[in-house]
Amino acid sequence: MATFYNQATLSYSGGTVNSNITTGEILEVLSATKTAVIGEYSQGSEVPYVINIINSGNTDFTDLTVTDNLGAYEFDSAEKQPLEYVENSVKYFADGVLLATPAVTAGPPLEISGITVPANGEATIIYVARVNGFAPPTAAGTIENTAVISGGITEITVTACITAAAEPVLGITKSVSPATVAENGELTYTFVIKNTGNTAAEAEDNVVVTDLFDPALSNITVAYNGETWASPANYSYDETTGQFATASGGITVPAATFTQDPSTGEWITEPGTATLTVTGTI
């Protein structure tokens, strides 16, 4: 309940006098919840949010506004928003019936206005936000997203918190040296495996590199991060077909490191890397 106070003043030729202070309480009939449909995020991912407003009173509440701060936080005396509204994603329901899209200002902050909550009913607003470069990607990273519902007698604040997904995110590039090689010449394939995730790829992640060398190589030597590997403990290779595969779990890749640009506030990712080389005669 919200408490309010009121006092009157009486003025007359001899002066002024104040009345007693009256106290009253407003019985709040609006309540709300906010939910993130997906509890984890990574950079570029899209997160649907659901705001549910319940009216337990006998009169419609009209012309309400939802103002979402898109996860705003203070950085270097400025405000950064780790979320961006996805255009045309708002859906508005009253008692389960889809209605016309209300007025939307993408912001930041995001504003959705013209909401009506029917008497003894509920209104549901669904919208999607995209995670951008201001979102902390570290394993302990969170985005606390707050919305304020205004237009009634009292404002309602609702919050949803999501956490950075703790996982490795791997990519691989392959190069050959030299690019031009004579018959019976030697060449080296280099595979660079990068991890842009906040968690290392460990043996239990079963990282495997496979390749079909065409033309097939003979008399190969294999090295991982500069250390010579042996077959079959670390890899398998068929000189007839050119089929190559590393042993499951033999490749591990450290987690990325993250720093926040002191001038822009954007997060910079330095991937963790591992290097595999295969040298043979063509």
Protein backbone atom coordinates (compact mmCIF):
# COMPACT_ATOMS: atom_id res chain seq x y z
CA MET A 1 0.00 0.00 0.00
CA ALA A 2 1.06 3.61 -0.62
CA THR A 3 0.55 6.09 2.20
CA PHE A 4 -0.34 9.74 1.57
CA TYR A 5 -0.52 12.77 3.88
CA ASN A 6 -2.48 16.00 3.57
CA GLN A 7 -2.68 19.24 5.52
CA ALA A 8 -4.80 22.36 4.98
CA THR A 9 -3.93 25.97 5.75
CA LEU A 10 -6.45 28.58 6.94
CA SER A 11 -5.61 32.21 6.23
CA TYR A 12 -7.40 35.22 7.75
CA SER A 13 -6.63 38.82 8.64
CA GLY A 14 -5.06 37.84 11.93
CA GLY A 15 -2.68 35.27 10.43
CA THR A 16 -2.65 31.68 9.28
CA VAL A 17 -3.19 28.38 10.98
CA ASN A 18 -2.56 24.83 9.82
CA SER A 19 -5.00 21.99 10.19
CA ASN A 20 -4.15 18.60 11.53
CA ILE A 21 -2.41 16.19 9.13
CA THR A 22 -4.62 13.49 7.66
CA THR A 23 -3.23 10.13 6.67
CA GLY A 24 -4.61 7.79 4.08
CA GLU A 25 -3.56 4.69 2.17
CA ILE A 26 -4.00 3.84 -1.48
CA LEU A 27 -4.94 0.25 -2.11
CA GLU A 28 -2.86 -0.70 -5.12
CA VAL A 29 -4.77 -2.81 -7.61
CA LEU A 30 -2.06 -2.96 -10.28
CA SER A 31 0.82 -5.43 -10.01
CA ALA A 32 3.36 -6.59 -12.54
CA THR A 33 6.11 -9.09 -13.28
CA LYS A 34 8.94 -9.12 -15.80
CA THR A 35 10.54 -12.29 -17.14
CA ALA A 36 13.44 -12.96 -19.49
CA VAL A 37 12.46 -15.97 -21.60
CA ILE A 38 16.15 -16.86 -22.03
CA GLY A 39 18.23 -16.68 -18.87
CA GLU A 40 21.66 -16.56 -20.53
CA TYR A 41 23.17 -14.33 -23.18
CA SER A 42 26.12 -14.04 -25.52
CA GLN A 43 27.10 -11.12 -27.72
CA GLY A 44 24.61 -10.72 -30.56
CA SER A 45 22.00 -13.03 -29.02
CA GLU A 46 18.36 -11.98 -28.82
CA VAL A 47 16.44 -12.13 -25.54
CA PRO A 48 12.61 -12.03 -25.42
CA TYR A 49 11.14 -10.23 -22.40
CA VAL A 50 7.60 -10.61 -21.06
CA ILE A 51 5.91 -7.99 -18.86
CA ASN A 52 2.62 -9.04 -17.34
CA ILE A 53 0.42 -6.34 -15.72
CA ILE A 54 -2.50 -7.49 -13.56
CA ASN A 55 -5.46 -5.28 -12.64
CA SER A 56 -7.40 -6.56 -9.63
CA GLY A 57 -9.72 -3.53 -9.59
CA ASN A 58 -13.14 -2.96 -11.13
CA THR A 59 -12.03 -0.16 -13.48
CA ASP A 60 -9.85 -0.26 -16.58
CA PHE A 61 -6.41 1.34 -16.34
CA THR A 62 -5.75 3.24 -19.55
CA ASP A 63 -2.87 5.02 -21.22
CA LEU A 64 -0.11 3.34 -19.24
CA THR A 65 3.52 3.55 -20.39
CA VAL A 66 6.26 0.96 -20.02
CA THR A 67 9.76 2.47 -19.94
CA ASP A 68 12.62 -0.03 -20.21
CA ASN A 69 16.18 1.07 -19.44
CA LEU A 70 17.67 -1.67 -21.69
CA GLY A 71 20.03 -2.73 -18.92
CA ALA A 72 21.61 0.73 -18.51
CA TYR A 73 24.63 1.08 -16.24
CA GLU A 74 27.09 3.87 -15.42
CA PHE A 75 30.50 3.83 -17.08
CA ASP A 76 32.98 6.70 -16.92
CA SER A 77 30.25 9.22 -16.00
CA ALA A 78 28.11 8.09 -18.93
CA GLU A 79 25.27 5.64 -19.34
CA LYS A 80 25.73 2.50 -21.45
CA GLN A 81 22.96 0.19 -22.63
CA PRO A 82 23.97 -3.45 -23.22
CA LEU A 83 20.65 -4.16 -24.94
CA GLU A 84 19.05 -2.79 -28.12
CA TYR A 85 15.36 -3.04 -28.94
CA VAL A 86 14.68 -5.30 -31.94
CA GLU A 87 12.46 -3.31 -34.29
CA ASN A 88 8.82 -4.42 -34.69
CA SER A 89 9.15 -7.09 -32.00
CA VAL A 90 6.45 -5.77 -29.61
CA LYS A 91 3.36 -7.92 -29.12
CA TYR A 92 0.52 -6.63 -26.91
CA PHE A 93 -2.21 -8.83 -25.43
CA ALA A 94 -5.19 -8.01 -23.20
CA ASP A 95 -6.73 -11.01 -21.45
CA GLY A 96 -4.93 -13.23 -23.97
CA VAL A 97 -6.21 -11.43 -27.08
CA LEU A 98 -3.61 -9.97 -29.46
CA LEU A 99 -4.26 -6.25 -29.98
CA ALA A 100 -2.83 -3.62 -32.30
CA THR A 101 0.78 -2.70 -31.60
CA PRO A 102 1.00 0.26 -29.21
CA ALA A 103 3.24 3.28 -29.80
CA VAL A 104 6.92 2.33 -29.50
CA THR A 105 9.97 4.57 -29.12
CA ALA A 106 13.13 2.49 -29.50
CA GLY A 107 15.19 4.82 -27.31
CA PRO A 108 17.18 4.29 -25.25
CA PRO A 109 15.24 4.07 -23.08
CA LEU A 110 12.61 1.93 -24.79
CA GLU A 111 9.08 3.34 -24.34
CA ILE A 112 5.86 1.46 -25.05
CA SER A 113 2.82 3.66 -24.49
CA GLY A 114 -0.95 3.51 -24.76
CA ILE A 115 -1.35 0.32 -22.73
CA THR A 116 -4.76 -0.53 -21.28
CA VAL A 117 -5.19 -3.12 -18.56
CA PRO A 118 -8.84 -4.25 -18.37
CA ALA A 119 -10.72 -4.39 -15.08
CA ASN A 120 -10.12 -7.67 -13.26
CA GLY A 121 -7.85 -8.66 -16.13
CA GLU A 122 -4.31 -8.47 -17.38
CA ALA A 123 -2.17 -7.04 -20.16
CA THR A 124 0.93 -8.75 -21.50
CA ILE A 125 3.69 -7.02 -23.44
CA ILE A 126 6.33 -9.12 -25.20
CA TYR A 127 9.37 -7.65 -26.90
CA VAL A 128 12.87 -8.70 -27.95
CA ALA A 129 16.21 -7.05 -27.13
CA ARG A 130 19.55 -7.79 -28.79
CA VAL A 131 22.77 -8.03 -26.75
CA ASN A 132 25.46 -5.62 -27.97
CA GLY A 133 29.12 -4.85 -27.32
CA PHE A 134 28.41 -3.05 -24.02
CA ALA A 135 27.27 -6.31 -22.41
CA PRO A 136 29.90 -7.84 -20.11
CA PRO A 137 31.02 -11.15 -21.71
CA THR A 138 32.94 -12.45 -18.71
CA ALA A 139 31.81 -15.58 -16.89
CA ALA A 140 30.47 -13.43 -14.05
CA GLY A 141 28.74 -10.97 -16.40
CA THR A 142 25.11 -9.99 -15.87
CA ILE A 143 22.54 -7.66 -17.42
CA GLU A 144 19.96 -6.29 -15.00
CA ASN A 145 17.10 -4.93 -17.06
CA THR A 146 14.55 -2.66 -15.34
CA ALA A 147 11.20 -1.40 -16.59
CA VAL A 148 8.90 1.19 -15.00
CA ILE A 149 5.13 1.11 -15.56
CA SER A 150 3.69 4.61 -15.18
CA GLY A 151 0.40 6.38 -15.75
CA GLY A 152 -1.43 4.96 -12.77
CA ILE A 153 -1.50 6.56 -9.36
CA THR A 154 1.74 4.84 -8.38
CA GLU A 155 4.63 3.64 -10.53
CA ILE A 156 5.55 -0.03 -10.66
CA THR A 157 9.15 -1.16 -11.16
CA VAL A 158 9.97 -4.64 -12.45
CA THR A 159 13.38 -6.17 -13.09
CA ALA A 160 14.79 -9.22 -14.86
CA CYS A 161 18.42 -10.36 -14.66
CA ILE A 162 20.25 -12.54 -17.17
CA THR A 163 23.79 -13.92 -16.98
CA ALA A 164 26.53 -14.40 -19.54
CA ALA A 165 26.60 -17.93 -20.93
CA ALA A 166 29.64 -19.76 -19.56
CA GLU A 167 30.86 -21.73 -22.57
CA PRO A 168 33.67 -22.01 -25.10
CA VAL A 169 32.97 -20.53 -28.54
CA LEU A 170 35.34 -22.06 -31.07
CA GLY A 171 36.37 -21.22 -34.61
CA ILE A 172 39.10 -22.57 -36.88
CA THR A 173 41.19 -21.23 -39.76
CA LYS A 174 43.47 -23.22 -42.06
CA SER A 175 46.45 -22.06 -44.10
CA VAL A 176 49.05 -23.79 -46.28
CA SER A 177 52.74 -23.00 -46.76
CA PRO A 178 54.15 -22.76 -49.30
CA ALA A 179 51.17 -21.93 -51.48
CA THR A 180 53.00 -23.29 -54.52
CA VAL A 181 54.83 -26.59 -54.14
CA ALA A 182 56.60 -28.88 -56.58
CA GLU A 183 55.76 -32.56 -56.93
CA ASN A 184 57.36 -34.56 -54.13
CA GLY A 185 57.78 -31.29 -52.28
CA GLU A 186 57.02 -30.63 -48.62
CA LEU A 187 54.22 -28.46 -47.35
CA THR A 188 52.66 -27.56 -44.00
CA TYR A 189 49.03 -27.12 -43.13
CA THR A 190 48.47 -24.84 -40.12
CA PHE A 191 45.21 -24.90 -38.18
CA VAL A 192 44.58 -22.07 -35.71
CA ILE A 193 41.73 -22.77 -33.29
CA LYS A 194 40.32 -19.71 -31.55
CA ASN A 195 38.09 -19.54 -28.49
CA THR A 196 36.11 -16.32 -28.08
CA GLY A 197 34.09 -17.75 -25.17
CA ASN A 198 34.59 -17.07 -21.48
CA THR A 199 35.28 -20.72 -20.65
CA ALA A 200 38.20 -22.88 -21.75
CA ALA A 201 37.61 -25.83 -24.07
CA GLU A 202 38.82 -28.76 -21.99
CA ALA A 203 39.48 -32.42 -22.76
CA GLU A 204 35.90 -33.33 -21.82
CA ASP A 205 34.64 -31.04 -24.59
CA ASN A 206 36.02 -33.59 -27.08
CA VAL A 207 37.44 -31.11 -29.60
CA VAL A 208 38.48 -32.96 -32.77
CA VAL A 209 40.01 -31.66 -36.00
CA THR A 210 39.42 -33.77 -39.12
CA ASP A 211 40.61 -33.17 -42.66
CA LEU A 212 40.80 -35.04 -45.94
CA PHE A 213 44.09 -34.07 -47.55
CA ASP A 214 43.77 -34.02 -51.32
CA PRO A 215 46.27 -34.83 -52.64
CA ALA A 216 47.21 -37.12 -49.77
CA LEU A 217 50.39 -36.41 -47.82
CA SER A 218 53.04 -38.95 -46.95
CA ASN A 219 55.54 -39.11 -44.09
CA ILE A 220 53.59 -36.57 -42.05
CA THR A 221 54.70 -34.97 -38.81
CA VAL A 222 52.16 -33.38 -36.50
CA ALA A 223 52.74 -30.72 -33.83
CA TYR A 224 50.32 -29.14 -31.36
CA ASN A 225 51.34 -25.79 -29.87
CA GLY A 226 54.91 -26.56 -30.96
CA GLU A 227 55.01 -30.01 -29.31
CA THR A 228 55.41 -33.05 -31.59
CA TRP A 229 52.50 -35.46 -31.53
CA ALA A 230 52.61 -39.23 -32.07
CA SER A 231 50.18 -41.61 -33.72
CA PRO A 232 47.91 -43.28 -32.70
CA ALA A 233 47.96 -41.64 -29.25
CA ASN A 234 47.34 -38.12 -30.57
CA TYR A 235 46.04 -38.56 -34.12
CA SER A 236 45.18 -41.03 -36.86
CA TYR A 237 46.09 -40.78 -40.53
CA ASP A 238 45.53 -42.89 -43.64
CA GLU A 239 48.16 -42.19 -46.28
CA THR A 240 46.05 -43.92 -48.94
CA THR A 241 42.91 -41.83 -48.53
CA GLY A 242 44.43 -38.72 -46.94
CA GLN A 243 41.98 -38.91 -44.02
CA PHE A 244 43.32 -37.18 -40.87
CA ALA A 245 41.79 -36.84 -37.41
CA THR A 246 43.06 -35.77 -34.01
CA ALA A 247 42.29 -37.94 -30.99
CA SER A 248 39.18 -36.92 -29.06
CA GLY A 249 39.98 -34.61 -26.18
CA GLY A 250 43.58 -33.98 -27.23
CA ILE A 251 42.95 -30.36 -28.16
CA THR A 252 42.25 -27.81 -25.44
CA VAL A 253 41.85 -24.07 -26.00
CA PRO A 254 42.10 -21.43 -23.25
CA ALA A 255 39.25 -19.02 -22.63
CA ALA A 256 39.31 -15.58 -24.19
CA THR A 257 40.36 -12.56 -22.18
CA PHE A 258 38.15 -9.47 -22.05
CA THR A 259 38.85 -5.79 -21.47
CA GLN A 260 36.50 -2.83 -21.54
CA ASP A 261 37.64 0.04 -23.72
CA PRO A 262 38.23 2.94 -21.30
CA SER A 263 37.00 5.53 -23.80
CA THR A 264 34.01 3.86 -25.48
CA GLY A 265 32.95 1.31 -22.87
CA GLU A 266 32.73 -1.48 -25.44
CA TRP A 267 34.14 -4.87 -24.51
CA ILE A 268 37.16 -6.11 -26.46
CA THR A 269 37.73 -9.84 -26.89
CA GLU A 270 41.19 -11.39 -27.19
CA PRO A 271 40.60 -15.02 -28.20
CA GLY A 272 42.39 -17.92 -26.60
CA THR A 273 44.26 -19.89 -29.28
CA ALA A 274 45.76 -23.29 -30.01
CA THR A 275 47.81 -24.19 -33.09
CA LEU A 276 48.00 -27.53 -34.91
CA THR A 277 50.45 -28.13 -37.78
CA VAL A 278 50.66 -31.05 -40.19
CA THR A 279 53.73 -31.30 -42.42
CA GLY A 280 54.14 -33.88 -45.16
CA THR A 281 55.29 -34.66 -48.67
CA ILE A 282 52.88 -34.17 -51.54
